[in-house]
């Protein structure tokens, strides 16, 4: 059984990003979204660790986050944080589709 280290790292990045959004800007929504999507992504990575074919939880979470952050990046044009998270999420979607 191989541990999905990339999935857990992605989940940690989302959690950290939500925490930093709260700490720097006082954005409670960033914290809530970070906890929500980070938790779902960590659960998805756990499911992939148990069964490598069970990737739907991670795929849905990373796809939704890629869409939301992609829209935010398009509207704001700011690379940090929307562009970075959209890019990471898109890479995660591609990884899960070819896994």
PDB file of N, CA and C in Angstrom:
ATOM      1  N   UNK A   1       0.849  -1.182   0.000  1.00  0.00           N
ATOM      2  CA  UNK A   1       0.000   0.000   0.000  1.00  0.00           C
ATOM      3  C   UNK A   1       0.893   1.243   0.000  1.00  0.00           C
ATOM      4  N   UNK A   2       0.803   2.028  -1.059  1.00  0.00           N
ATOM      5  CA  UNK A   2       1.588   3.254  -1.191  1.00  0.00           C
ATOM      6  C   UNK A   2       0.802   4.447  -0.661  1.00  0.00           C
ATOM      7  N   UNK A   3       1.462   5.253   0.130  1.00  0.00           N
ATOM      8  CA  UNK A   3       0.829   6.445   0.686  1.00  0.00           C
ATOM      9  C   UNK A   3       0.799   7.538  -0.381  1.00  0.00           C
ATOM     10  N   UNK A   4      -0.312   8.234  -0.500  1.00  0.00           N
ATOM     11  CA  UNK A   4      -0.469   9.317  -1.467  1.00  0.00           C
ATOM     12  C   UNK A   4       0.149  10.601  -0.902  1.00  0.00           C
ATOM     13  N   UNK A   5       1.473  10.671  -0.936  1.00  0.00           N
ATOM     14  CA  UNK A   5       2.179  11.815  -0.362  1.00  0.00           C
ATOM     15  C   UNK A   5       1.847  13.111  -1.093  1.00  0.00           C
ATOM     16  N   UNK A   6       1.705  13.050  -2.413  1.00  0.00           N
ATOM     17  CA  UNK A   6       1.349  14.263  -3.156  1.00  0.00           C
ATOM     18  C   UNK A   6      -0.036  14.777  -2.763  1.00  0.00           C
ATOM     19  N   UNK A   7      -0.957  13.861  -2.556  1.00  0.00           N
ATOM     20  CA  UNK A   7      -2.298  14.246  -2.130  1.00  0.00           C
ATOM     21  C   UNK A   7      -2.311  14.882  -0.752  1.00  0.00           C
ATOM     22  N   UNK A   8      -1.550  14.288   0.163  1.00  0.00           N
ATOM     23  CA  UNK A   8      -1.477  14.864   1.511  1.00  0.00           C
ATOM     24  C   UNK A   8      -0.743  16.208   1.500  1.00  0.00           C
ATOM     25  N   UNK A   9       0.274  16.343   0.656  1.00  0.00           N
ATOM     26  CA  UNK A   9       0.982  17.619   0.522  1.00  0.00           C
ATOM     27  C   UNK A   9       0.080  18.703  -0.045  1.00  0.00           C
ATOM     28  N   UNK A  10      -0.732  18.328  -1.037  1.00  0.00           N
ATOM     29  CA  UNK A  10      -1.696  19.262  -1.620  1.00  0.00           C
ATOM     30  C   UNK A  10      -2.699  19.714  -0.550  1.00  0.00           C
ATOM     31  N   UNK A  11      -3.203  18.775   0.233  1.00  0.00           N
ATOM     32  CA  UNK A  11      -4.150  19.111   1.304  1.00  0.00           C
ATOM     33  C   UNK A  11      -3.507  20.049   2.320  1.00  0.00           C
ATOM     34  N   UNK A  12      -2.239  19.797   2.662  1.00  0.00           N
ATOM     35  CA  UNK A  12      -1.533  20.665   3.611  1.00  0.00           C
ATOM     36  C   UNK A  12      -1.358  22.066   3.037  1.00  0.00           C
ATOM     37  N   UNK A  13      -1.086  22.164   1.734  1.00  0.00           N
ATOM     38  CA  UNK A  13      -0.938  23.478   1.097  1.00  0.00           C
ATOM     39  C   UNK A  13      -2.251  24.260   1.149  1.00  0.00           C
ATOM     40  N   UNK A  14      -3.358  23.584   0.954  1.00  0.00           N
ATOM     41  CA  UNK A  14      -4.664  24.244   1.023  1.00  0.00           C
ATOM     42  C   UNK A  14      -4.943  24.717   2.451  1.00  0.00           C
ATOM     43  N   UNK A  15      -4.695  23.849   3.418  1.00  0.00           N
ATOM     44  CA  UNK A  15      -4.897  24.231   4.819  1.00  0.00           C
ATOM     45  C   UNK A  15      -4.020  25.425   5.195  1.00  0.00           C
ATOM     46  N   UNK A  16      -2.756  25.366   4.793  1.00  0.00           N
ATOM     47  CA  UNK A  16      -1.820  26.446   5.102  1.00  0.00           C
ATOM     48  C   UNK A  16      -2.256  27.747   4.431  1.00  0.00           C
ATOM     49  N   UNK A  17      -2.695  27.664   3.184  1.00  0.00           N
ATOM     50  CA  UNK A  17      -3.156  28.854   2.471  1.00  0.00           C
ATOM     51  C   UNK A  17      -4.369  29.498   3.137  1.00  0.00           C
ATOM     52  N   UNK A  18      -5.302  28.676   3.585  1.00  0.00           N
ATOM     53  CA  UNK A  18      -6.464  29.207   4.294  1.00  0.00           C
ATOM     54  C   UNK A  18      -6.084  29.875   5.596  1.00  0.00           C
ATOM     55  N   UNK A  19      -5.154  29.261   6.313  1.00  0.00           N
ATOM     56  CA  UNK A  19      -4.684  29.840   7.572  1.00  0.00           C
ATOM     57  C   UNK A  19      -3.966  31.166   7.330  1.00  0.00           C
ATOM     58  N   UNK A  20      -3.120  31.213   6.296  1.00  0.00           N
ATOM     59  CA  UNK A  20      -2.385  32.442   6.013  1.00  0.00           C
ATOM     60  C   UNK A  20      -3.320  33.564   5.543  1.00  0.00           C
ATOM     61  N   UNK A  21      -4.359  33.209   4.794  1.00  0.00           N
ATOM     62  CA  UNK A  21      -5.344  34.211   4.395  1.00  0.00           C
ATOM     63  C   UNK A  21      -6.040  34.822   5.600  1.00  0.00           C
ATOM     64  N   UNK A  22      -6.308  33.982   6.600  1.00  0.00           N
ATOM     65  CA  UNK A  22      -6.930  34.470   7.830  1.00  0.00           C
ATOM     66  C   UNK A  22      -5.948  35.321   8.637  1.00  0.00           C
ATOM     67  N   UNK A  23      -4.718  34.831   8.742  1.00  0.00           N
ATOM     68  CA  UNK A  23      -3.731  35.536   9.560  1.00  0.00           C
ATOM     69  C   UNK A  23      -3.347  36.888   8.973  1.00  0.00           C
ATOM     70  N   UNK A  24      -3.141  36.945   7.667  1.00  0.00           N
ATOM     71  CA  UNK A  24      -2.671  38.185   7.039  1.00  0.00           C
ATOM     72  C   UNK A  24      -3.786  39.196   6.785  1.00  0.00           C
ATOM     73  N   UNK A  25      -4.924  38.722   6.313  1.00  0.00           N
ATOM     74  CA  UNK A  25      -6.001  39.641   5.921  1.00  0.00           C
ATOM     75  C   UNK A  25      -7.206  39.598   6.853  1.00  0.00           C
ATOM     76  N   UNK A  26      -7.198  38.675   7.800  1.00  0.00           N
ATOM     77  CA  UNK A  26      -8.339  38.537   8.691  1.00  0.00           C
ATOM     78  C   UNK A  26      -9.551  37.927   8.009  1.00  0.00           C
ATOM     79  N   UNK A  27      -9.325  37.187   6.929  1.00  0.00           N
ATOM     80  CA  UNK A  27     -10.418  36.615   6.143  1.00  0.00           C
ATOM     81  C   UNK A  27     -10.896  35.293   6.748  1.00  0.00           C
ATOM     82  N   UNK A  28     -12.034  35.354   7.401  1.00  0.00           N
ATOM     83  CA  UNK A  28     -12.608  34.150   7.982  1.00  0.00           C
ATOM     84  C   UNK A  28     -13.030  33.162   6.887  1.00  0.00           C
ATOM     85  N   UNK A  29     -13.466  33.689   5.738  1.00  0.00           N
ATOM     86  CA  UNK A  29     -13.852  32.812   4.621  1.00  0.00           C
ATOM     87  C   UNK A  29     -12.655  32.012   4.102  1.00  0.00           C
ATOM     88  N   UNK A  30     -11.475  32.608   4.076  1.00  0.00           N
ATOM     89  CA  UNK A  30     -10.276  31.882   3.663  1.00  0.00           C
ATOM     90  C   UNK A  30      -9.999  30.729   4.622  1.00  0.00           C
ATOM     91  N   UNK A  31     -10.142  30.992   5.891  1.00  0.00           N
ATOM     92  CA  UNK A  31      -9.918  29.951   6.888  1.00  0.00           C
ATOM     93  C   UNK A  31     -10.933  28.821   6.737  1.00  0.00           C
ATOM     94  N   UNK A  32     -12.192  29.170   6.593  1.00  0.00           N
ATOM     95  CA  UNK A  32     -13.245  28.156   6.449  1.00  0.00           C
ATOM     96  C   UNK A  32     -13.043  27.344   5.174  1.00  0.00           C
ATOM     97  N   UNK A  33     -12.769  28.023   4.064  1.00  0.00           N
ATOM     98  CA  UNK A  33     -12.558  27.322   2.795  1.00  0.00           C
ATOM     99  C   UNK A  33     -11.313  26.447   2.858  1.00  0.00           C
ATOM    100  N   UNK A  34     -10.259  26.942   3.481  1.00  0.00           N
ATOM    101  CA  UNK A  34      -9.035  26.161   3.628  1.00  0.00           C
ATOM    102  C   UNK A  34      -9.261  24.903   4.446  1.00  0.00           C
ATOM    103  N   UNK A  35      -9.994  25.049   5.535  1.00  0.00           N
ATOM    104  CA  UNK A  35     -10.310  23.888   6.372  1.00  0.00           C
ATOM    105  C   UNK A  35     -11.211  22.902   5.636  1.00  0.00           C
ATOM    106  N   UNK A  36     -12.191  23.414   4.925  1.00  0.00           N
ATOM    107  CA  UNK A  36     -13.134  22.564   4.207  1.00  0.00           C
ATOM    108  C   UNK A  36     -12.453  21.805   3.075  1.00  0.00           C
ATOM    109  N   UNK A  37     -11.835  22.547   2.147  1.00  0.00           N
ATOM    110  CA  UNK A  37     -11.210  21.892   1.001  1.00  0.00           C
ATOM    111  C   UNK A  37      -9.968  21.104   1.403  1.00  0.00           C
ATOM    112  N   UNK A  38      -9.228  21.599   2.366  1.00  0.00           N
ATOM    113  CA  UNK A  38      -8.064  20.857   2.851  1.00  0.00           C
ATOM    114  C   UNK A  38      -8.472  19.551   3.510  1.00  0.00           C
ATOM    115  N   UNK A  39      -9.545  19.591   4.282  1.00  0.00           N
ATOM    116  CA  UNK A  39     -10.037  18.370   4.931  1.00  0.00           C
ATOM    117  C   UNK A  39     -10.545  17.352   3.928  1.00  0.00           C
ATOM    118  N   UNK A  40     -11.299  17.826   2.947  1.00  0.00           N
ATOM    119  CA  UNK A  40     -11.797  16.908   1.911  1.00  0.00           C
ATOM    120  C   UNK A  40     -10.630  16.333   1.115  1.00  0.00           C
ATOM    121  N   UNK A  41      -9.640  17.153   0.800  1.00  0.00           N
ATOM    122  CA  UNK A  41      -8.483  16.682   0.041  1.00  0.00           C
ATOM    123  C   UNK A  41      -7.669  15.668   0.843  1.00  0.00           C
ATOM    124  N   UNK A  42      -7.520  15.905   2.140  1.00  0.00           N
ATOM    125  CA  UNK A  42      -6.803  14.943   2.983  1.00  0.00           C
ATOM    126  C   UNK A  42      -7.569  13.623   3.062  1.00  0.00           C
ATOM    127  N   UNK A  43      -8.883  13.703   3.169  1.00  0.00           N
ATOM    128  CA  UNK A  43      -9.703  12.489   3.178  1.00  0.00           C
ATOM    129  C   UNK A  43      -9.578  11.752   1.845  1.00  0.00           C
ATOM    130  N   UNK A  44      -9.570  12.502   0.754  1.00  0.00           N
ATOM    131  CA  UNK A  44      -9.399  11.894  -0.562  1.00  0.00           C
ATOM    132  C   UNK A  44      -8.044  11.219  -0.694  1.00  0.00           C
ATOM    133  N   UNK A  45      -6.994  11.854  -0.172  1.00  0.00           N
ATOM    134  CA  UNK A  45      -5.657  11.249  -0.208  1.00  0.00           C
ATOM    135  C   UNK A  45      -5.628   9.977   0.634  1.00  0.00           C
ATOM    136  N   UNK A  46      -6.336   9.986   1.753  1.00  0.00           N
ATOM    137  CA  UNK A  46      -6.426   8.787   2.594  1.00  0.00           C
ATOM    138  C   UNK A  46      -7.136   7.661   1.838  1.00  0.00           C
ATOM    139  N   UNK A  47      -8.213   8.007   1.133  1.00  0.00           N
ATOM    140  CA  UNK A  47      -8.934   6.994   0.359  1.00  0.00           C
ATOM    141  C   UNK A  47      -8.070   6.432  -0.768  1.00  0.00           C
ATOM    142  N   UNK A  48      -7.277   7.286  -1.418  1.00  0.00           N
ATOM    143  CA  UNK A  48      -6.383   6.818  -2.476  1.00  0.00           C
ATOM    144  C   UNK A  48      -5.296   5.920  -1.885  1.00  0.00           C
ATOM    145  N   UNK A  49      -4.858   6.223  -0.675  1.00  0.00           N
ATOM    146  CA  UNK A  49      -3.871   5.373  -0.018  1.00  0.00           C
ATOM    147  C   UNK A  49      -4.430   3.972   0.206  1.00  0.00           C
ATOM    148  N   UNK A  50      -5.692   3.883   0.597  1.00  0.00           N
ATOM    149  CA  UNK A  50      -6.308   2.580   0.827  1.00  0.00           C
ATOM    150  C   UNK A  50      -6.621   1.850  -0.474  1.00  0.00           C
ATOM    151  N   UNK A  51      -7.102   2.595  -1.474  1.00  0.00           N
ATOM    152  CA  UNK A  51      -7.462   2.005  -2.770  1.00  0.00           C
ATOM    153  C   UNK A  51      -7.102   3.012  -3.870  1.00  0.00           C
ATOM    154  N   UNK A  52      -6.023   2.763  -4.629  1.00  0.00           N
ATOM    155  CA  UNK A  52      -5.576   3.727  -5.646  1.00  0.00           C
ATOM    156  C   UNK A  52      -6.618   4.048  -6.712  1.00  0.00           C
ATOM    157  N   UNK A  53      -7.632   3.234  -6.868  1.00  0.00           N
ATOM    158  CA  UNK A  53      -8.682   3.518  -7.853  1.00  0.00           C
ATOM    159  C   UNK A  53      -9.788   4.416  -7.304  1.00  0.00           C
ATOM    160  N   UNK A  54      -9.809   4.631  -6.009  1.00  0.00           N
ATOM    161  CA  UNK A  54     -10.848   5.445  -5.369  1.00  0.00           C
ATOM    162  C   UNK A  54     -10.391   6.905  -5.312  1.00  0.00           C
ATOM    163  N   UNK A  55     -10.412   7.563  -6.466  1.00  0.00           N
ATOM    164  CA  UNK A  55      -9.875   8.913  -6.565  1.00  0.00           C
ATOM    165  C   UNK A  55     -10.927   9.994  -6.719  1.00  0.00           C
ATOM    166  N   UNK A  56     -12.199   9.648  -6.666  1.00  0.00           N
ATOM    167  CA  UNK A  56     -13.263  10.605  -6.968  1.00  0.00           C
ATOM    168  C   UNK A  56     -13.371  11.738  -5.959  1.00  0.00           C
ATOM    169  N   UNK A  57     -13.155  11.446  -4.693  1.00  0.00           N
ATOM    170  CA  UNK A  57     -13.228  12.506  -3.679  1.00  0.00           C
ATOM    171  C   UNK A  57     -12.177  13.572  -3.953  1.00  0.00           C
ATOM    172  N   UNK A  58     -10.953  13.142  -4.190  1.00  0.00           N
ATOM    173  CA  UNK A  58      -9.872  14.080  -4.477  1.00  0.00           C
ATOM    174  C   UNK A  58     -10.104  14.809  -5.789  1.00  0.00           C
ATOM    175  N   UNK A  59     -10.603  14.107  -6.774  1.00  0.00           N
ATOM    176  CA  UNK A  59     -10.838  14.709  -8.085  1.00  0.00           C
ATOM    177  C   UNK A  59     -11.903  15.798  -8.012  1.00  0.00           C
ATOM    178  N   UNK A  60     -12.980  15.543  -7.298  1.00  0.00           N
ATOM    179  CA  UNK A  60     -14.052  16.541  -7.161  1.00  0.00           C
ATOM    180  C   UNK A  60     -13.560  17.756  -6.372  1.00  0.00           C
ATOM    181  N   UNK A  61     -12.850  17.508  -5.270  1.00  0.00           N
ATOM    182  CA  UNK A  61     -12.366  18.623  -4.449  1.00  0.00           C
ATOM    183  C   UNK A  61     -11.373  19.485  -5.218  1.00  0.00           C
ATOM    184  N   UNK A  62     -10.398  18.861  -5.870  1.00  0.00           N
ATOM    185  CA  UNK A  62      -9.397  19.648  -6.599  1.00  0.00           C
ATOM    186  C   UNK A  62     -10.004  20.302  -7.834  1.00  0.00           C
ATOM    187  N   UNK A  63     -10.956  19.653  -8.477  1.00  0.00           N
ATOM    188  CA  UNK A  63     -11.626  20.264  -9.627  1.00  0.00           C
ATOM    189  C   UNK A  63     -12.433  21.481  -9.234  1.00  0.00           C
ATOM    190  N   UNK A  64     -13.165  21.369  -8.126  1.00  0.00           N
ATOM    191  CA  UNK A  64     -13.957  22.515  -7.652  1.00  0.00           C
ATOM    192  C   UNK A  64     -13.055  23.675  -7.253  1.00  0.00           C
ATOM    193  N   UNK A  65     -11.972  23.364  -6.566  1.00  0.00           N
ATOM    194  CA  UNK A  65     -11.054  24.422  -6.148  1.00  0.00           C
ATOM    195  C   UNK A  65     -10.352  25.049  -7.350  1.00  0.00           C
ATOM    196  N   UNK A  66     -10.016  24.252  -8.368  1.00  0.00           N
ATOM    197  CA  UNK A  66      -9.410  24.792  -9.590  1.00  0.00           C
ATOM    198  C   UNK A  66     -10.375  25.750 -10.277  1.00  0.00           C
ATOM    199  N   UNK A  67     -11.644  25.390 -10.327  1.00  0.00           N
ATOM    200  CA  UNK A  67     -12.641  26.249 -10.975  1.00  0.00           C
ATOM    201  C   UNK A  67     -12.833  27.552 -10.194  1.00  0.00           C
ATOM    202  N   UNK A  68     -13.019  27.452  -8.897  1.00  0.00           N
ATOM    203  CA  UNK A  68     -13.266  28.638  -8.068  1.00  0.00           C
ATOM    204  C   UNK A  68     -12.063  29.576  -8.088  1.00  0.00           C
ATOM    205  N   UNK A  69     -10.883  29.020  -7.874  1.00  0.00           N
ATOM    206  CA  UNK A  69      -9.696  29.869  -7.822  1.00  0.00           C
ATOM    207  C   UNK A  69      -9.311  30.368  -9.221  1.00  0.00           C
ATOM    208  N   UNK A  70      -9.628  29.590 -10.240  1.00  0.00           N
ATOM    209  CA  UNK A  70      -9.390  30.047 -11.610  1.00  0.00           C
ATOM    210  C   UNK A  70     -10.239  31.262 -11.948  1.00  0.00           C
ATOM    211  N   UNK A  71     -11.488  31.238 -11.524  1.00  0.00           N
ATOM    212  CA  UNK A  71     -12.381  32.390 -11.731  1.00  0.00           C
ATOM    213  C   UNK A  71     -11.871  33.606 -10.958  1.00  0.00           C
ATOM    214  N   UNK A  72     -11.439  33.379  -9.719  1.00  0.00           N
ATOM    215  CA  UNK A  72     -10.906  34.489  -8.917  1.00  0.00           C
ATOM    216  C   UNK A  72      -9.644  35.070  -9.538  1.00  0.00           C
ATOM    217  N   UNK A  73      -8.791  34.180 -10.082  1.00  0.00           N
ATOM    218  CA  UNK A  73      -7.567  34.646 -10.734  1.00  0.00           C
ATOM    219  C   UNK A  73      -7.891  35.454 -11.985  1.00  0.00           C
ATOM    220  N   UNK A  74      -8.868  34.999 -12.750  1.00  0.00           N
ATOM    221  CA  UNK A  74      -9.257  35.717 -13.969  1.00  0.00           C
ATOM    222  C   UNK A  74      -9.807  37.104 -13.640  1.00  0.00           C
ATOM    223  N   UNK A  75     -10.587  37.205 -12.572  1.00  0.00           N
ATOM    224  CA  UNK A  75     -11.171  38.494 -12.185  1.00  0.00           C
ATOM    225  C   UNK A  75     -10.131  39.447 -11.603  1.00  0.00           C
ATOM    226  N   UNK A  76      -9.257  38.917 -10.731  1.00  0.00           N
ATOM    227  CA  UNK A  76      -8.313  39.788 -10.035  1.00  0.00           C
ATOM    228  C   UNK A  76      -6.990  39.945 -10.770  1.00  0.00           C
ATOM    229  N   UNK A  77      -6.574  38.930 -11.495  1.00  0.00           N
ATOM    230  CA  UNK A  77      -5.281  38.967 -12.161  1.00  0.00           C
ATOM    231  C   UNK A  77      -4.109  38.790 -11.217  1.00  0.00           C
ATOM    232  N   UNK A  78      -4.401  38.502  -9.959  1.00  0.00           N
ATOM    233  CA  UNK A  78      -3.347  38.357  -8.951  1.00  0.00           C
ATOM    234  C   UNK A  78      -2.874  36.905  -8.884  1.00  0.00           C
ATOM    235  N   UNK A  79      -1.566  36.742  -8.983  1.00  0.00           N
ATOM    236  CA  UNK A  79      -0.985  35.409  -8.940  1.00  0.00           C
ATOM    237  C   UNK A  79      -1.097  34.799  -7.546  1.00  0.00           C
ATOM    238  N   UNK A  80      -0.991  35.644  -6.535  1.00  0.00           N
ATOM    239  CA  UNK A  80      -1.027  35.150  -5.167  1.00  0.00           C
ATOM    240  C   UNK A  80      -2.307  35.617  -4.509  1.00  0.00           C
ATOM    241  N   UNK A  81      -3.134  34.791  -3.970  1.00  0.00           N
ATOM    242  CA  UNK A  81      -3.072  33.340  -3.866  1.00  0.00           C
ATOM    243  C   UNK A  81      -3.858  32.612  -4.960  1.00  0.00           C
ATOM    244  N   UNK A  82      -4.745  33.343  -5.649  1.00  0.00           N
ATOM    245  CA  UNK A  82      -5.681  32.678  -6.559  1.00  0.00           C
ATOM    246  C   UNK A  82      -4.976  31.934  -7.685  1.00  0.00           C
ATOM    247  N   UNK A  83      -3.994  32.545  -8.309  1.00  0.00           N
ATOM    248  CA  UNK A  83      -3.304  31.908  -9.423  1.00  0.00           C
ATOM    249  C   UNK A  83      -2.517  30.676  -8.995  1.00  0.00           C
ATOM    250  N   UNK A  84      -1.859  30.777  -7.861  1.00  0.00           N
ATOM    251  CA  UNK A  84      -1.080  29.642  -7.347  1.00  0.00           C
ATOM    252  C   UNK A  84      -2.001  28.468  -7.022  1.00  0.00           C
ATOM    253  N   UNK A  85      -3.089  28.736  -6.312  1.00  0.00           N
ATOM    254  CA  UNK A  85      -4.001  27.650  -5.923  1.00  0.00           C
ATOM    255  C   UNK A  85      -4.716  27.070  -7.134  1.00  0.00           C
ATOM    256  N   UNK A  86      -5.063  27.902  -8.105  1.00  0.00           N
ATOM    257  CA  UNK A  86      -5.689  27.394  -9.326  1.00  0.00           C
ATOM    258  C   UNK A  86      -4.718  26.489 -10.068  1.00  0.00           C
ATOM    259  N   UNK A  87      -3.465  26.895 -10.159  1.00  0.00           N
ATOM    260  CA  UNK A  87      -2.452  26.087 -10.822  1.00  0.00           C
ATOM    261  C   UNK A  87      -2.197  24.770 -10.118  1.00  0.00           C
ATOM    262  N   UNK A  88      -2.041  24.816  -8.798  1.00  0.00           N
ATOM    263  CA  UNK A  88      -1.838  23.580  -8.021  1.00  0.00           C
ATOM    264  C   UNK A  88      -3.033  22.643  -8.164  1.00  0.00           C
ATOM    265  N   UNK A  89      -4.215  23.205  -8.108  1.00  0.00           N
ATOM    266  CA  UNK A  89      -5.425  22.388  -8.212  1.00  0.00           C
ATOM    267  C   UNK A  89      -5.551  21.774  -9.599  1.00  0.00           C
ATOM    268  N   UNK A  90      -5.222  22.539 -10.616  1.00  0.00           N
ATOM    269  CA  UNK A  90      -5.272  22.010 -11.977  1.00  0.00           C
ATOM    270  C   UNK A  90      -4.248  20.893 -12.173  1.00  0.00           C
ATOM    271  N   UNK A  91      -3.057  21.069 -11.613  1.00  0.00           N
ATOM    272  CA  UNK A  91      -2.054  19.998 -11.693  1.00  0.00           C
ATOM    273  C   UNK A  91      -2.530  18.745 -10.963  1.00  0.00           C
ATOM    274  N   UNK A  92      -3.216  18.934  -9.854  1.00  0.00           N
ATOM    275  CA  UNK A  92      -3.743  17.795  -9.108  1.00  0.00           C
ATOM    276  C   UNK A  92      -4.822  17.083  -9.921  1.00  0.00           C
ATOM    277  N   UNK A  93      -5.671  17.822 -10.596  1.00  0.00           N
ATOM    278  CA  UNK A  93      -6.704  17.205 -11.444  1.00  0.00           C
ATOM    279  C   UNK A  93      -6.049  16.372 -12.543  1.00  0.00           C
ATOM    280  N   UNK A  94      -5.058  16.934 -13.215  1.00  0.00           N
ATOM    281  CA  UNK A  94      -4.352  16.210 -14.268  1.00  0.00           C
ATOM    282  C   UNK A  94      -3.699  14.961 -13.707  1.00  0.00           C
ATOM    283  N   UNK A  95      -3.046  15.078 -12.571  1.00  0.00           N
ATOM    284  CA  UNK A  95      -2.409  13.921 -11.930  1.00  0.00           C
ATOM    285  C   UNK A  95      -3.425  12.816 -11.637  1.00  0.00           C
ATOM    286  N   UNK A  96      -4.581  13.208 -11.114  1.00  0.00           N
ATOM    287  CA  UNK A  96      -5.585  12.210 -10.764  1.00  0.00           C
ATOM    288  C   UNK A  96      -6.194  11.567 -12.004  1.00  0.00           C
ATOM    289  N   UNK A  97      -6.302  12.317 -13.079  1.00  0.00           N
ATOM    290  CA  UNK A  97      -6.869  11.755 -14.305  1.00  0.00           C
ATOM    291  C   UNK A  97      -5.918  10.760 -14.969  1.00  0.00           C
ATOM    292  N   UNK A  98      -4.616  10.951 -14.825  1.00  0.00           N
ATOM    293  CA  UNK A  98      -3.670  10.028 -15.434  1.00  0.00           C
ATOM    294  C   UNK A  98      -3.210   8.944 -14.475  1.00  0.00           C
ATOM    295  N   UNK A  99      -3.603   9.024 -13.211  1.00  0.00           N
ATOM    296  CA  UNK A  99      -3.211   8.049 -12.181  1.00  0.00           C
ATOM    297  C   UNK A  99      -3.771   6.679 -12.477  1.00  0.00           C
TER     298      UNK A  99
END
